[in-house]
Amino acid sequence: MRISEEFHEYIASHKRDDETMEDTLRRLIGGPHPEDVAGILSSDTAATMRSRLDAKHEADADEKRTLRERFE
């Protein structure tokens, strides 16, 4: 994952001595730890969600590519 130097510095400035950068990010964004949500979804539901996210990512990439081509 790429982030700007400024954002990295922001995260690092909030990092506690006993935390990894991932721990710090999770704390700052308030996201759940993967172990806390493991097993909530059935395998079928997780596969469906993964498929939809992949399709959305692909559509977003296509849209960005089209936009980039318009400016070339």
N, C-alpha and C. Protein backbone atom coordinates (compact mmCIF):
# COMPACT_ATOMS: atom_id res chain seq x y z
N MET A 1 0.85 -1.16 0.00
CA MET A 1 0.00 0.00 0.00
C MET A 1 0.90 1.23 0.00
N ARG A 2 0.64 2.12 -0.89
CA ARG A 2 1.42 3.36 -0.94
C ARG A 2 0.69 4.46 -0.22
N ILE A 3 1.45 5.22 0.56
CA ILE A 3 0.91 6.40 1.21
C ILE A 3 1.95 7.51 1.08
N SER A 4 1.47 8.73 1.19
CA SER A 4 2.39 9.85 1.07
C SER A 4 3.33 9.90 2.26
N GLU A 5 4.45 10.56 2.07
CA GLU A 5 5.41 10.72 3.16
C GLU A 5 4.78 11.47 4.32
N GLU A 6 3.96 12.47 4.00
CA GLU A 6 3.31 13.26 5.04
C GLU A 6 2.38 12.40 5.88
N PHE A 7 1.62 11.52 5.21
CA PHE A 7 0.69 10.66 5.94
C PHE A 7 1.46 9.64 6.77
N HIS A 8 2.53 9.12 6.23
CA HIS A 8 3.37 8.18 7.00
C HIS A 8 3.90 8.87 8.26
N GLU A 9 4.36 10.10 8.12
CA GLU A 9 4.86 10.84 9.27
C GLU A 9 3.76 11.08 10.30
N TYR A 10 2.55 11.34 9.80
CA TYR A 10 1.41 11.54 10.71
C TYR A 10 1.15 10.27 11.51
N ILE A 11 1.11 9.14 10.83
CA ILE A 11 0.87 7.87 11.52
C ILE A 11 2.00 7.59 12.50
N ALA A 12 3.24 7.76 12.05
CA ALA A 12 4.39 7.50 12.91
C ALA A 12 4.36 8.39 14.15
N SER A 13 3.89 9.62 14.02
CA SER A 13 3.84 10.52 15.17
C SER A 13 2.82 10.08 16.21
N HIS A 14 1.85 9.25 15.80
CA HIS A 14 0.83 8.75 16.71
C HIS A 14 1.12 7.33 17.18
N LYS A 15 2.19 6.74 16.68
CA LYS A 15 2.53 5.37 17.02
C LYS A 15 3.04 5.29 18.46
N ARG A 16 2.51 4.33 19.19
CA ARG A 16 2.95 4.09 20.56
C ARG A 16 4.12 3.12 20.53
N ASP A 17 4.95 3.16 21.56
CA ASP A 17 6.15 2.32 21.60
C ASP A 17 5.85 0.83 21.46
N ASP A 18 4.73 0.40 21.97
CA ASP A 18 4.40 -1.03 21.94
C ASP A 18 3.56 -1.44 20.72
N GLU A 19 3.38 -0.53 19.77
CA GLU A 19 2.55 -0.80 18.61
C GLU A 19 3.37 -1.00 17.34
N THR A 20 2.80 -1.80 16.44
CA THR A 20 3.32 -1.84 15.07
C THR A 20 2.59 -0.74 14.31
N MET A 21 3.05 -0.46 13.10
CA MET A 21 2.34 0.55 12.29
C MET A 21 0.91 0.10 12.02
N GLU A 22 0.72 -1.21 11.81
CA GLU A 22 -0.64 -1.73 11.59
C GLU A 22 -1.50 -1.49 12.82
N ASP A 23 -0.98 -1.76 13.99
CA ASP A 23 -1.73 -1.51 15.22
C ASP A 23 -2.15 -0.05 15.32
N THR A 24 -1.21 0.83 14.98
CA THR A 24 -1.48 2.27 15.04
C THR A 24 -2.58 2.65 14.06
N LEU A 25 -2.49 2.16 12.84
CA LEU A 25 -3.53 2.45 11.85
C LEU A 25 -4.89 1.95 12.32
N ARG A 26 -4.93 0.73 12.82
CA ARG A 26 -6.20 0.18 13.30
C ARG A 26 -6.78 1.04 14.43
N ARG A 27 -5.93 1.48 15.33
CA ARG A 27 -6.40 2.32 16.43
C ARG A 27 -6.92 3.65 15.91
N LEU A 28 -6.19 4.26 14.96
CA LEU A 28 -6.59 5.57 14.44
C LEU A 28 -7.89 5.52 13.65
N ILE A 29 -8.09 4.45 12.89
CA ILE A 29 -9.31 4.38 12.07
C ILE A 29 -10.44 3.66 12.78
N GLY A 30 -10.12 3.04 13.90
CA GLY A 30 -11.17 2.39 14.67
C GLY A 30 -11.67 1.09 14.05
N GLY A 31 -10.89 0.49 13.16
CA GLY A 31 -11.30 -0.75 12.53
C GLY A 31 -11.11 -1.94 13.44
N PRO A 32 -11.90 -2.98 13.21
CA PRO A 32 -11.77 -4.17 14.05
C PRO A 32 -10.51 -4.96 13.70
N HIS A 33 -10.00 -5.68 14.66
CA HIS A 33 -8.87 -6.57 14.43
C HIS A 33 -9.43 -7.80 13.70
N PRO A 34 -8.71 -8.33 12.71
CA PRO A 34 -9.21 -9.50 11.96
C PRO A 34 -9.62 -10.66 12.85
N GLU A 35 -8.91 -10.89 13.94
CA GLU A 35 -9.28 -11.98 14.84
C GLU A 35 -10.64 -11.76 15.49
N ASP A 36 -11.03 -10.50 15.64
CA ASP A 36 -12.31 -10.19 16.26
C ASP A 36 -13.49 -10.49 15.34
N VAL A 37 -13.27 -10.51 14.03
CA VAL A 37 -14.37 -10.73 13.09
C VAL A 37 -14.25 -12.04 12.33
N ALA A 38 -13.21 -12.81 12.62
CA ALA A 38 -13.02 -14.09 11.93
C ALA A 38 -14.20 -15.02 12.22
N GLY A 39 -14.69 -15.64 11.16
CA GLY A 39 -15.76 -16.62 11.31
C GLY A 39 -17.16 -16.05 11.28
N ILE A 40 -17.31 -14.74 11.15
CA ILE A 40 -18.64 -14.14 11.15
C ILE A 40 -19.39 -14.46 9.86
N LEU A 41 -18.67 -14.44 8.74
CA LEU A 41 -19.29 -14.71 7.44
C LEU A 41 -19.12 -16.17 7.06
N SER A 42 -20.13 -16.68 6.37
CA SER A 42 -19.98 -18.03 5.83
C SER A 42 -18.98 -17.96 4.67
N SER A 43 -18.44 -19.09 4.29
CA SER A 43 -17.49 -19.14 3.17
C SER A 43 -18.15 -18.64 1.89
N ASP A 44 -19.41 -18.99 1.67
CA ASP A 44 -20.12 -18.56 0.46
C ASP A 44 -20.31 -17.05 0.44
N THR A 45 -20.71 -16.48 1.58
CA THR A 45 -20.90 -15.04 1.66
C THR A 45 -19.58 -14.31 1.45
N ALA A 46 -18.52 -14.81 2.07
CA ALA A 46 -17.20 -14.20 1.92
C ALA A 46 -16.75 -14.26 0.46
N ALA A 47 -16.98 -15.38 -0.20
CA ALA A 47 -16.59 -15.52 -1.62
C ALA A 47 -17.37 -14.56 -2.49
N THR A 48 -18.66 -14.40 -2.22
CA THR A 48 -19.49 -13.46 -2.98
C THR A 48 -19.00 -12.03 -2.78
N MET A 49 -18.71 -11.67 -1.54
CA MET A 49 -18.22 -10.32 -1.26
C MET A 49 -16.87 -10.09 -1.94
N ARG A 50 -15.99 -11.08 -1.87
CA ARG A 50 -14.68 -10.95 -2.51
C ARG A 50 -14.83 -10.76 -4.01
N SER A 51 -15.73 -11.51 -4.61
CA SER A 51 -15.97 -11.41 -6.05
C SER A 51 -16.49 -10.02 -6.41
N ARG A 52 -17.42 -9.51 -5.64
CA ARG A 52 -17.97 -8.17 -5.91
C ARG A 52 -16.92 -7.08 -5.71
N LEU A 53 -16.09 -7.23 -4.69
CA LEU A 53 -15.01 -6.25 -4.49
C LEU A 53 -14.00 -6.29 -5.62
N ASP A 54 -13.68 -7.49 -6.11
CA ASP A 54 -12.76 -7.62 -7.24
C ASP A 54 -13.35 -6.96 -8.48
N ALA A 55 -14.64 -7.17 -8.72
CA ALA A 55 -15.30 -6.56 -9.87
C ALA A 55 -15.31 -5.04 -9.75
N LYS A 56 -15.56 -4.54 -8.55
CA LYS A 56 -15.56 -3.08 -8.32
C LYS A 56 -14.16 -2.52 -8.55
N HIS A 57 -13.14 -3.22 -8.06
CA HIS A 57 -11.76 -2.77 -8.25
C HIS A 57 -11.43 -2.72 -9.73
N GLU A 58 -11.85 -3.74 -10.46
CA GLU A 58 -11.59 -3.80 -11.90
C GLU A 58 -12.30 -2.66 -12.62
N ALA A 59 -13.55 -2.40 -12.25
CA ALA A 59 -14.31 -1.31 -12.87
C ALA A 59 -13.65 0.03 -12.57
N ASP A 60 -13.20 0.23 -11.34
CA ASP A 60 -12.52 1.47 -10.97
C ASP A 60 -11.23 1.64 -11.77
N ALA A 61 -10.48 0.55 -11.94
CA ALA A 61 -9.23 0.60 -12.70
C ALA A 61 -9.52 0.96 -14.16
N ASP A 62 -10.58 0.39 -14.72
CA ASP A 62 -10.95 0.70 -16.10
C ASP A 62 -11.34 2.17 -16.24
N GLU A 63 -12.08 2.66 -15.26
CA GLU A 63 -12.51 4.07 -15.29
C GLU A 63 -11.30 5.00 -15.21
N LYS A 64 -10.37 4.69 -14.35
CA LYS A 64 -9.15 5.50 -14.23
C LYS A 64 -8.33 5.46 -15.51
N ARG A 65 -8.24 4.28 -16.10
CA ARG A 65 -7.48 4.13 -17.34
C ARG A 65 -8.12 4.97 -18.45
N THR A 66 -9.44 4.93 -18.55
CA THR A 66 -10.16 5.71 -19.55
C THR A 66 -9.94 7.21 -19.34
N LEU A 67 -10.02 7.65 -18.10
CA LEU A 67 -9.80 9.05 -17.78
C LEU A 67 -8.38 9.48 -18.13
N ARG A 68 -7.42 8.64 -17.79
CA ARG A 68 -6.01 8.93 -18.10
C ARG A 68 -5.81 9.07 -19.62
N GLU A 69 -6.43 8.17 -20.38
CA GLU A 69 -6.30 8.21 -21.83
C GLU A 69 -6.88 9.48 -22.42
N ARG A 70 -7.94 10.01 -21.80
CA ARG A 70 -8.53 11.27 -22.29
C ARG A 70 -7.57 12.43 -22.17
N PHE A 71 -6.64 12.37 -21.22
CA PHE A 71 -5.72 13.47 -21.00
C PHE A 71 -4.38 13.29 -21.69
N GLU A 72 -4.21 12.19 -22.38
CA GLU A 72 -2.93 11.96 -23.07
C GLU A 72 -2.94 12.58 -24.44
